[in-house]
Amino acid sequence: MRNAVGNFVSPSLNSTTAAAVAAAPTLPSGSDSWEPVSITDAPGAESYPIASFSYVLVYQEQTDRAKGQALVDFLWWVIHDGQQYSSALLYVPLPSSVVAINEASIRTITHQGSVLYTG
């Protein structure tokens, strides 16, 4: 497949990683709109042109403390320890800049105004 700079790139974890890394510096915070975010035709000589992030939509204010805490703990695991399983499942591990955005977002999830992240 020909990418945005005219190179022919095969679909692979490396070429998808290149697309994600190329887009990472321009990503919004977790609470801002991600509607315009696209890593399709991302810049870069090695970027695969048909790639996308996977998203999780979460209410910032959780109505049940126990469920909210379990959710926060799970999301933190996903962006840290869970990344070791990404490649085997044919997903690209998150670039560190995306992990930082996710960490900041998780730290804003609350129950009755109290932040649930305790790490």
C-alpha atoms as a PDB file:
ATOM      1  CA  MET A   1       0.000   0.000   0.000  1.00  0.00           C
ATOM      2  CA  ARG A   2       1.365   3.442  -0.870  1.00  0.00           C
ATOM      3  CA  ASN A   3       1.609   5.775   2.130  1.00  0.00           C
ATOM      4  CA  ALA A   4       1.340   9.566   2.383  1.00  0.00           C
ATOM      5  CA  VAL A   5       4.951  10.164   1.306  1.00  0.00           C
ATOM      6  CA  GLY A   6       4.680   7.775  -1.652  1.00  0.00           C
ATOM      7  CA  ASN A   7       6.469   4.749  -0.206  1.00  0.00           C
ATOM      8  CA  PHE A   8       5.009   1.296  -0.549  1.00  0.00           C
ATOM      9  CA  VAL A   9       4.630  -0.143   2.958  1.00  0.00           C
ATOM     10  CA  SER A  10       3.496  -3.590   4.016  1.00  0.00           C
ATOM     11  CA  PRO A  11       1.009  -3.990   6.863  1.00  0.00           C
ATOM     12  CA  SER A  12       2.946  -4.889   9.989  1.00  0.00           C
ATOM     13  CA  LEU A  13       3.192  -4.011  13.642  1.00  0.00           C
ATOM     14  CA  ASN A  14       6.253  -1.883  12.847  1.00  0.00           C
ATOM     15  CA  SER A  15       4.555   0.132  10.096  1.00  0.00           C
ATOM     16  CA  THR A  16       1.462   0.637  12.258  1.00  0.00           C
ATOM     17  CA  THR A  17       3.692   1.707  15.157  1.00  0.00           C
ATOM     18  CA  ALA A  18       5.310   4.244  12.831  1.00  0.00           C
ATOM     19  CA  ALA A  19       1.874   5.701  12.034  1.00  0.00           C
ATOM     20  CA  ALA A  20       0.925   5.918  15.725  1.00  0.00           C
ATOM     21  CA  VAL A  21       4.236   7.500  16.715  1.00  0.00           C
ATOM     22  CA  ALA A  22       3.971  10.043  13.888  1.00  0.00           C
ATOM     23  CA  ALA A  23       0.546  11.176  15.117  1.00  0.00           C
ATOM     24  CA  ALA A  24       1.333  11.125  18.837  1.00  0.00           C
ATOM     25  CA  PRO A  25       2.789  14.655  19.161  1.00  0.00           C
ATOM     26  CA  THR A  26      -0.452  16.216  17.894  1.00  0.00           C
ATOM     27  CA  LEU A  27      -2.919  14.228  20.002  1.00  0.00           C
ATOM     28  CA  PRO A  28      -5.372  16.054  22.277  1.00  0.00           C
ATOM     29  CA  SER A  29      -5.774  15.396  25.976  1.00  0.00           C
ATOM     30  CA  GLY A  30      -8.131  12.630  27.008  1.00  0.00           C
ATOM     31  CA  SER A  31     -10.918  15.043  27.902  1.00  0.00           C
ATOM     32  CA  ASP A  32     -10.738  16.930  24.595  1.00  0.00           C
ATOM     33  CA  SER A  33     -12.487  15.774  21.450  1.00  0.00           C
ATOM     34  CA  TRP A  34     -10.739  12.976  19.584  1.00  0.00           C
ATOM     35  CA  GLU A  35     -13.188  13.213  16.715  1.00  0.00           C
ATOM     36  CA  PRO A  36     -10.641  14.793  14.348  1.00  0.00           C
ATOM     37  CA  VAL A  37      -7.867  12.342  15.320  1.00  0.00           C
ATOM     38  CA  SER A  38      -6.789  10.095  12.506  1.00  0.00           C
ATOM     39  CA  ILE A  39      -3.608   8.184  11.870  1.00  0.00           C
ATOM     40  CA  THR A  40      -4.781   7.243   8.399  1.00  0.00           C
ATOM     41  CA  ASP A  41      -2.135   8.496   5.985  1.00  0.00           C
ATOM     42  CA  ALA A  42       0.104   9.509   8.895  1.00  0.00           C
ATOM     43  CA  PRO A  43       3.345  11.197   7.895  1.00  0.00           C
ATOM     44  CA  GLY A  44       6.562   9.216   7.828  1.00  0.00           C
ATOM     45  CA  ALA A  45       8.447   7.026   5.402  1.00  0.00           C
ATOM     46  CA  GLU A  46       7.527   3.805   7.228  1.00  0.00           C
ATOM     47  CA  SER A  47       3.945   4.660   8.295  1.00  0.00           C
ATOM     48  CA  TYR A  48       1.261   2.245   7.181  1.00  0.00           C
ATOM     49  CA  PRO A  49      -1.529   4.339   5.612  1.00  0.00           C
ATOM     50  CA  ILE A  50      -4.541   2.420   6.950  1.00  0.00           C
ATOM     51  CA  ALA A  51      -4.287   2.466  10.736  1.00  0.00           C
ATOM     52  CA  SER A  52      -6.365   3.640  13.660  1.00  0.00           C
ATOM     53  CA  PHE A  53      -6.411   3.791  17.425  1.00  0.00           C
ATOM     54  CA  SER A  54      -8.862   1.716  19.444  1.00  0.00           C
ATOM     55  CA  TYR A  55     -10.916   3.721  21.914  1.00  0.00           C
ATOM     56  CA  VAL A  56     -12.591   3.212  25.256  1.00  0.00           C
ATOM     57  CA  LEU A  57     -15.293   5.661  26.298  1.00  0.00           C
ATOM     58  CA  VAL A  58     -15.637   6.039  30.057  1.00  0.00           C
ATOM     59  CA  TYR A  59     -17.807   8.267  32.201  1.00  0.00           C
ATOM     60  CA  GLN A  60     -15.525  10.600  34.118  1.00  0.00           C
ATOM     61  CA  GLU A  61     -17.846  10.523  37.147  1.00  0.00           C
ATOM     62  CA  GLN A  62     -18.564   6.944  38.191  1.00  0.00           C
ATOM     63  CA  THR A  63     -21.834   6.237  40.011  1.00  0.00           C
ATOM     64  CA  ASP A  64     -20.634   3.077  41.774  1.00  0.00           C
ATOM     65  CA  ARG A  65     -17.363   3.394  43.701  1.00  0.00           C
ATOM     66  CA  ALA A  66     -16.404  -0.306  43.590  1.00  0.00           C
ATOM     67  CA  LYS A  67     -17.115  -0.648  39.872  1.00  0.00           C
ATOM     68  CA  GLY A  68     -15.367   2.655  39.162  1.00  0.00           C
ATOM     69  CA  GLN A  69     -12.311   1.533  41.117  1.00  0.00           C
ATOM     70  CA  ALA A  70     -12.243  -1.787  39.266  1.00  0.00           C
ATOM     71  CA  LEU A  71     -12.499   0.109  35.970  1.00  0.00           C
ATOM     72  CA  VAL A  72      -9.643   2.472  36.876  1.00  0.00           C
ATOM     73  CA  ASP A  73      -7.464  -0.434  37.995  1.00  0.00           C
ATOM     74  CA  PHE A  74      -8.218  -2.325  34.776  1.00  0.00           C
ATOM     75  CA  LEU A  75      -7.506   0.663  32.536  1.00  0.00           C
ATOM     76  CA  TRP A  76      -4.204   1.310  34.333  1.00  0.00           C
ATOM     77  CA  TRP A  77      -3.257  -2.346  33.830  1.00  0.00           C
ATOM     78  CA  VAL A  78      -4.185  -2.151  30.127  1.00  0.00           C
ATOM     79  CA  ILE A  79      -1.879   0.791  29.430  1.00  0.00           C
ATOM     80  CA  HIS A  80       0.999  -0.646  31.467  1.00  0.00           C
ATOM     81  CA  ASP A  81       1.305  -4.371  32.215  1.00  0.00           C
ATOM     82  CA  GLY A  82      -1.274  -5.320  29.602  1.00  0.00           C
ATOM     83  CA  GLN A  83       0.854  -3.850  26.811  1.00  0.00           C
ATOM     84  CA  GLN A  84       3.030  -6.976  26.889  1.00  0.00           C
ATOM     85  CA  TYR A  85       0.152  -8.867  25.227  1.00  0.00           C
ATOM     86  CA  SER A  86      -0.409  -6.357  22.416  1.00  0.00           C
ATOM     87  CA  SER A  87       1.841  -7.784  19.732  1.00  0.00           C
ATOM     88  CA  ALA A  88       0.654 -11.366  20.194  1.00  0.00           C
ATOM     89  CA  LEU A  89      -2.900 -10.101  19.679  1.00  0.00           C
ATOM     90  CA  LEU A  90      -1.766  -8.135  16.587  1.00  0.00           C
ATOM     91  CA  TYR A  91      -2.136  -4.766  18.274  1.00  0.00           C
ATOM     92  CA  VAL A  92       0.628  -2.199  18.446  1.00  0.00           C
ATOM     93  CA  PRO A  93       1.911  -1.340  21.922  1.00  0.00           C
ATOM     94  CA  LEU A  94       0.995   2.234  22.814  1.00  0.00           C
ATOM     95  CA  PRO A  95       3.658   4.896  22.259  1.00  0.00           C
ATOM     96  CA  SER A  96       4.825   6.468  25.534  1.00  0.00           C
ATOM     97  CA  SER A  97       3.184   9.791  24.639  1.00  0.00           C
ATOM     98  CA  VAL A  98      -0.187   8.031  24.277  1.00  0.00           C
ATOM     99  CA  VAL A  99       0.348   6.226  27.594  1.00  0.00           C
ATOM    100  CA  ALA A 100       0.951   9.638  29.217  1.00  0.00           C
ATOM    101  CA  ILE A 101      -2.355  10.958  27.816  1.00  0.00           C
ATOM    102  CA  ASN A 102      -4.143   7.864  29.097  1.00  0.00           C
ATOM    103  CA  GLU A 103      -2.541   8.167  32.546  1.00  0.00           C
ATOM    104  CA  ALA A 104      -3.686  11.779  32.821  1.00  0.00           C
ATOM    105  CA  SER A 105      -7.209  10.773  31.771  1.00  0.00           C
ATOM    106  CA  ILE A 106      -7.413   7.899  34.257  1.00  0.00           C
ATOM    107  CA  ARG A 107      -6.337  10.277  37.024  1.00  0.00           C
ATOM    108  CA  THR A 108      -9.489  12.344  36.378  1.00  0.00           C
ATOM    109  CA  ILE A 109     -12.013   9.516  36.870  1.00  0.00           C
ATOM    110  CA  THR A 110     -13.964  10.149  40.053  1.00  0.00           C
ATOM    111  CA  HIS A 111     -16.717   8.919  42.323  1.00  0.00           C
ATOM    112  CA  GLN A 112     -18.670  11.651  44.106  1.00  0.00           C
ATOM    113  CA  GLY A 113     -15.879  14.064  43.222  1.00  0.00           C
ATOM    114  CA  SER A 114     -13.073  11.905  44.667  1.00  0.00           C
ATOM    115  CA  VAL A 115     -10.388  10.683  42.302  1.00  0.00           C
ATOM    116  CA  LEU A 116     -10.341   6.885  42.070  1.00  0.00           C
ATOM    117  CA  TYR A 117      -6.746   6.439  40.938  1.00  0.00           C
ATOM    118  CA  THR A 118      -4.668   5.593  44.003  1.00  0.00           C
ATOM    119  CA  GLY A 119      -1.299   4.622  42.473  1.00  0.00           C
END
